[in-house]
Amino acid sequence: MNRIPTPTKASLVACEAWRQTVLKAMREQNRSMAWLARASGVERKTIYDWLGGKRVPKLDSAARAFSALGFTELRLSLTDYEEESDGEN
């Protein structure tokens, strides 16, 4: 039986930043979720789930969506993420 991995706090922070960036670009370009699904090569429900916060896209899928919106590079940054201390220094 395959276990579904639990997203880490860092991946959720990165996903939220991605989601906000995609939504902003879609508004600015007057693009719909259906358009983004076609342009990214994924099902429309997948885009709805990603942008609704129900699912986290894989890196290659996130990059395809960015590319469809005209972004030429994808940078990952965890500058807004502080790793929780485990009590050891």
N, C-alpha and C. Protein backbone atom coordinates (compact mmCIF):
# COMPACT_ATOMS: atom_id res chain seq x y z
N MET A 1 0.84 -1.18 0.00
CA MET A 1 0.00 0.00 0.00
C MET A 1 0.89 1.25 0.00
N ASN A 2 0.62 2.17 -0.92
CA ASN A 2 1.38 3.40 -0.99
C ASN A 2 0.84 4.40 0.01
N ARG A 3 1.76 4.99 0.73
CA ARG A 3 1.39 6.00 1.71
C ARG A 3 1.46 7.37 1.06
N ILE A 4 0.47 8.20 1.27
CA ILE A 4 0.49 9.56 0.74
C ILE A 4 1.37 10.40 1.63
N PRO A 5 2.42 11.03 1.05
CA PRO A 5 3.31 11.83 1.89
C PRO A 5 2.61 13.07 2.44
N THR A 6 2.95 13.42 3.65
CA THR A 6 2.42 14.61 4.28
C THR A 6 3.30 15.80 3.90
N PRO A 7 2.70 16.87 3.37
CA PRO A 7 3.52 18.03 3.01
C PRO A 7 4.19 18.62 4.25
N THR A 8 5.42 19.08 4.07
CA THR A 8 6.14 19.73 5.16
C THR A 8 5.68 21.18 5.26
N LYS A 9 6.00 21.80 6.38
CA LYS A 9 5.66 23.22 6.54
C LYS A 9 6.33 24.05 5.44
N ALA A 10 7.56 23.73 5.08
CA ALA A 10 8.27 24.46 4.04
C ALA A 10 7.57 24.33 2.70
N SER A 11 7.10 23.11 2.37
CA SER A 11 6.43 22.93 1.09
C SER A 11 5.10 23.65 1.05
N LEU A 12 4.42 23.73 2.19
CA LEU A 12 3.15 24.45 2.23
C LEU A 12 3.36 25.95 2.09
N VAL A 13 4.43 26.48 2.68
CA VAL A 13 4.75 27.90 2.54
C VAL A 13 5.09 28.19 1.08
N ALA A 14 5.90 27.35 0.46
CA ALA A 14 6.28 27.53 -0.94
C ALA A 14 5.05 27.42 -1.83
N CYS A 15 4.17 26.49 -1.54
CA CYS A 15 2.97 26.30 -2.35
C CYS A 15 2.05 27.52 -2.25
N GLU A 16 1.93 28.08 -1.07
CA GLU A 16 1.08 29.26 -0.91
C GLU A 16 1.65 30.44 -1.69
N ALA A 17 2.96 30.60 -1.68
CA ALA A 17 3.59 31.67 -2.46
C ALA A 17 3.35 31.45 -3.95
N TRP A 18 3.48 30.19 -4.40
CA TRP A 18 3.23 29.84 -5.80
C TRP A 18 1.78 30.15 -6.15
N ARG A 19 0.86 29.72 -5.29
CA ARG A 19 -0.57 29.92 -5.52
C ARG A 19 -0.91 31.40 -5.66
N GLN A 20 -0.39 32.22 -4.75
CA GLN A 20 -0.67 33.66 -4.80
C GLN A 20 -0.09 34.29 -6.07
N THR A 21 1.11 33.85 -6.46
CA THR A 21 1.74 34.38 -7.67
C THR A 21 0.94 34.01 -8.91
N VAL A 22 0.49 32.77 -8.98
CA VAL A 22 -0.30 32.31 -10.13
C VAL A 22 -1.64 33.06 -10.18
N LEU A 23 -2.32 33.18 -9.05
CA LEU A 23 -3.59 33.89 -9.04
C LEU A 23 -3.43 35.35 -9.47
N LYS A 24 -2.38 35.99 -9.01
CA LYS A 24 -2.12 37.39 -9.39
C LYS A 24 -1.88 37.50 -10.89
N ALA A 25 -1.05 36.60 -11.43
CA ALA A 25 -0.76 36.62 -12.87
C ALA A 25 -2.01 36.34 -13.68
N MET A 26 -2.84 35.42 -13.21
CA MET A 26 -4.09 35.11 -13.92
C MET A 26 -5.00 36.33 -13.95
N ARG A 27 -5.11 37.04 -12.83
CA ARG A 27 -5.94 38.26 -12.79
C ARG A 27 -5.39 39.31 -13.76
N GLU A 28 -4.08 39.52 -13.71
CA GLU A 28 -3.46 40.54 -14.57
C GLU A 28 -3.61 40.21 -16.05
N GLN A 29 -3.60 38.92 -16.38
CA GLN A 29 -3.69 38.49 -17.79
C GLN A 29 -5.11 38.12 -18.19
N ASN A 30 -6.04 38.26 -17.26
CA ASN A 30 -7.44 37.91 -17.51
C ASN A 30 -7.56 36.46 -18.01
N ARG A 31 -6.90 35.56 -17.30
CA ARG A 31 -6.92 34.13 -17.65
C ARG A 31 -7.78 33.36 -16.66
N SER A 32 -8.44 32.33 -17.15
CA SER A 32 -9.28 31.49 -16.31
C SER A 32 -8.53 30.24 -15.86
N MET A 33 -9.08 29.56 -14.88
CA MET A 33 -8.50 28.29 -14.44
C MET A 33 -8.57 27.25 -15.57
N ALA A 34 -9.66 27.29 -16.34
CA ALA A 34 -9.79 26.36 -17.47
C ALA A 34 -8.69 26.61 -18.49
N TRP A 35 -8.40 27.88 -18.76
CA TRP A 35 -7.32 28.21 -19.70
C TRP A 35 -5.99 27.68 -19.17
N LEU A 36 -5.73 27.92 -17.88
CA LEU A 36 -4.46 27.49 -17.30
C LEU A 36 -4.33 25.97 -17.34
N ALA A 37 -5.42 25.27 -17.12
CA ALA A 37 -5.39 23.81 -17.19
C ALA A 37 -4.99 23.36 -18.60
N ARG A 38 -5.64 23.91 -19.61
CA ARG A 38 -5.30 23.54 -21.00
C ARG A 38 -3.85 23.89 -21.32
N ALA A 39 -3.42 25.09 -20.95
CA ALA A 39 -2.07 25.55 -21.27
C ALA A 39 -0.99 24.78 -20.51
N SER A 40 -1.35 24.24 -19.34
CA SER A 40 -0.39 23.50 -18.51
C SER A 40 -0.42 22.00 -18.76
N GLY A 41 -1.43 21.54 -19.48
CA GLY A 41 -1.53 20.13 -19.78
C GLY A 41 -2.02 19.27 -18.61
N VAL A 42 -2.84 19.87 -17.75
CA VAL A 42 -3.41 19.12 -16.62
C VAL A 42 -4.93 19.27 -16.67
N GLU A 43 -5.61 18.45 -15.90
CA GLU A 43 -7.06 18.53 -15.85
C GLU A 43 -7.50 19.79 -15.10
N ARG A 44 -8.66 20.29 -15.49
CA ARG A 44 -9.19 21.51 -14.87
C ARG A 44 -9.36 21.34 -13.36
N LYS A 45 -9.84 20.18 -12.93
CA LYS A 45 -10.03 19.94 -11.49
C LYS A 45 -8.72 20.05 -10.74
N THR A 46 -7.63 19.64 -11.37
CA THR A 46 -6.31 19.74 -10.74
C THR A 46 -5.96 21.19 -10.46
N ILE A 47 -6.18 22.07 -11.43
CA ILE A 47 -5.92 23.50 -11.23
C ILE A 47 -6.81 24.04 -10.12
N TYR A 48 -8.09 23.68 -10.13
CA TYR A 48 -9.01 24.13 -9.08
C TYR A 48 -8.50 23.69 -7.71
N ASP A 49 -8.05 22.44 -7.62
CA ASP A 49 -7.55 21.92 -6.34
C ASP A 49 -6.28 22.63 -5.90
N TRP A 50 -5.36 22.88 -6.83
CA TRP A 50 -4.12 23.58 -6.48
C TRP A 50 -4.42 24.99 -6.00
N LEU A 51 -5.20 25.72 -6.80
CA LEU A 51 -5.45 27.12 -6.48
C LEU A 51 -6.43 27.29 -5.33
N GLY A 52 -7.18 26.25 -5.03
CA GLY A 52 -8.07 26.27 -3.88
C GLY A 52 -7.40 25.78 -2.61
N GLY A 53 -6.15 25.36 -2.71
CA GLY A 53 -5.40 24.91 -1.55
C GLY A 53 -5.69 23.48 -1.11
N LYS A 54 -6.38 22.72 -1.95
CA LYS A 54 -6.71 21.33 -1.60
C LYS A 54 -5.58 20.35 -1.91
N ARG A 55 -4.74 20.70 -2.90
CA ARG A 55 -3.63 19.84 -3.28
C ARG A 55 -2.40 20.68 -3.53
N VAL A 56 -1.24 20.05 -3.44
CA VAL A 56 0.04 20.72 -3.67
C VAL A 56 0.61 20.19 -5.00
N PRO A 57 0.94 21.09 -5.95
CA PRO A 57 1.47 20.61 -7.22
C PRO A 57 2.90 20.09 -7.08
N LYS A 58 3.24 19.13 -7.92
CA LYS A 58 4.63 18.69 -8.00
C LYS A 58 5.42 19.79 -8.69
N LEU A 59 6.72 19.79 -8.49
CA LEU A 59 7.56 20.87 -9.01
C LEU A 59 7.44 21.01 -10.53
N ASP A 60 7.45 19.91 -11.27
CA ASP A 60 7.36 20.01 -12.73
C ASP A 60 6.02 20.58 -13.17
N SER A 61 4.96 20.23 -12.47
CA SER A 61 3.63 20.77 -12.79
C SER A 61 3.55 22.26 -12.46
N ALA A 62 4.11 22.65 -11.33
CA ALA A 62 4.14 24.07 -10.95
C ALA A 62 4.92 24.87 -11.99
N ALA A 63 6.02 24.31 -12.47
CA ALA A 63 6.83 24.99 -13.48
C ALA A 63 6.08 25.13 -14.80
N ARG A 64 5.31 24.10 -15.19
CA ARG A 64 4.53 24.18 -16.44
C ARG A 64 3.47 25.29 -16.34
N ALA A 65 2.83 25.39 -15.18
CA ALA A 65 1.82 26.44 -15.00
C ALA A 65 2.48 27.82 -15.06
N PHE A 66 3.62 27.96 -14.41
CA PHE A 66 4.35 29.23 -14.47
C PHE A 66 4.72 29.57 -15.91
N SER A 67 5.23 28.59 -16.63
CA SER A 67 5.63 28.80 -18.02
C SER A 67 4.43 29.23 -18.88
N ALA A 68 3.30 28.60 -18.66
CA ALA A 68 2.09 28.96 -19.42
C ALA A 68 1.70 30.42 -19.19
N LEU A 69 1.99 30.93 -18.01
CA LEU A 69 1.67 32.32 -17.68
C LEU A 69 2.77 33.29 -18.08
N GLY A 70 3.83 32.78 -18.73
CA GLY A 70 4.87 33.65 -19.25
C GLY A 70 6.08 33.84 -18.37
N PHE A 71 6.13 33.15 -17.24
CA PHE A 71 7.32 33.23 -16.40
C PHE A 71 8.44 32.46 -17.06
N THR A 72 9.63 33.02 -17.05
CA THR A 72 10.75 32.36 -17.73
C THR A 72 11.67 31.61 -16.79
N GLU A 73 11.51 31.81 -15.50
CA GLU A 73 12.30 31.04 -14.55
C GLU A 73 11.52 30.84 -13.27
N LEU A 74 11.86 29.77 -12.60
CA LEU A 74 11.20 29.41 -11.34
C LEU A 74 12.28 29.37 -10.28
N ARG A 75 12.13 30.21 -9.27
CA ARG A 75 13.08 30.23 -8.17
C ARG A 75 12.37 29.79 -6.90
N LEU A 76 13.05 28.99 -6.15
CA LEU A 76 12.49 28.56 -4.87
C LEU A 76 13.22 29.28 -3.77
N SER A 77 12.46 29.81 -2.83
CA SER A 77 13.06 30.51 -1.72
C SER A 77 12.29 30.17 -0.46
N LEU A 78 13.01 29.90 0.58
CA LEU A 78 12.38 29.62 1.86
C LEU A 78 12.73 30.71 2.86
N THR A 79 12.94 31.93 2.37
CA THR A 79 13.33 33.02 3.25
C THR A 79 12.24 33.36 4.26
N ASP A 80 10.98 33.06 3.93
CA ASP A 80 9.89 33.34 4.86
C ASP A 80 9.62 32.18 5.80
N TYR A 81 10.42 31.16 5.70
CA TYR A 81 10.19 29.95 6.50
C TYR A 81 11.28 29.81 7.55
N GLU A 82 10.88 29.69 8.79
CA GLU A 82 11.84 29.43 9.86
C GLU A 82 11.65 28.01 10.31
N GLU A 83 12.72 27.25 10.26
CA GLU A 83 12.63 25.87 10.69
C GLU A 83 12.45 25.82 12.20
N GLU A 84 11.54 24.98 12.65
CA GLU A 84 11.30 24.86 14.07
C GLU A 84 12.48 24.17 14.72
N SER A 85 12.88 24.68 15.85
CA SER A 85 14.00 24.09 16.59
C SER A 85 13.56 22.83 17.29
N ASP A 86 14.45 21.85 17.30
CA ASP A 86 14.14 20.61 18.00
C ASP A 86 14.71 20.62 19.41
N GLY A 87 15.21 21.78 19.83
CA GLY A 87 15.75 21.91 21.18
C GLY A 87 17.23 21.66 21.28
N GLU A 88 17.84 21.20 20.18
CA GLU A 88 19.28 20.95 20.17
C GLU A 88 19.97 22.05 19.39
N ASN A 89 21.13 22.49 19.86
CA ASN A 89 21.89 23.53 19.16
C ASN A 89 23.19 22.99 18.68
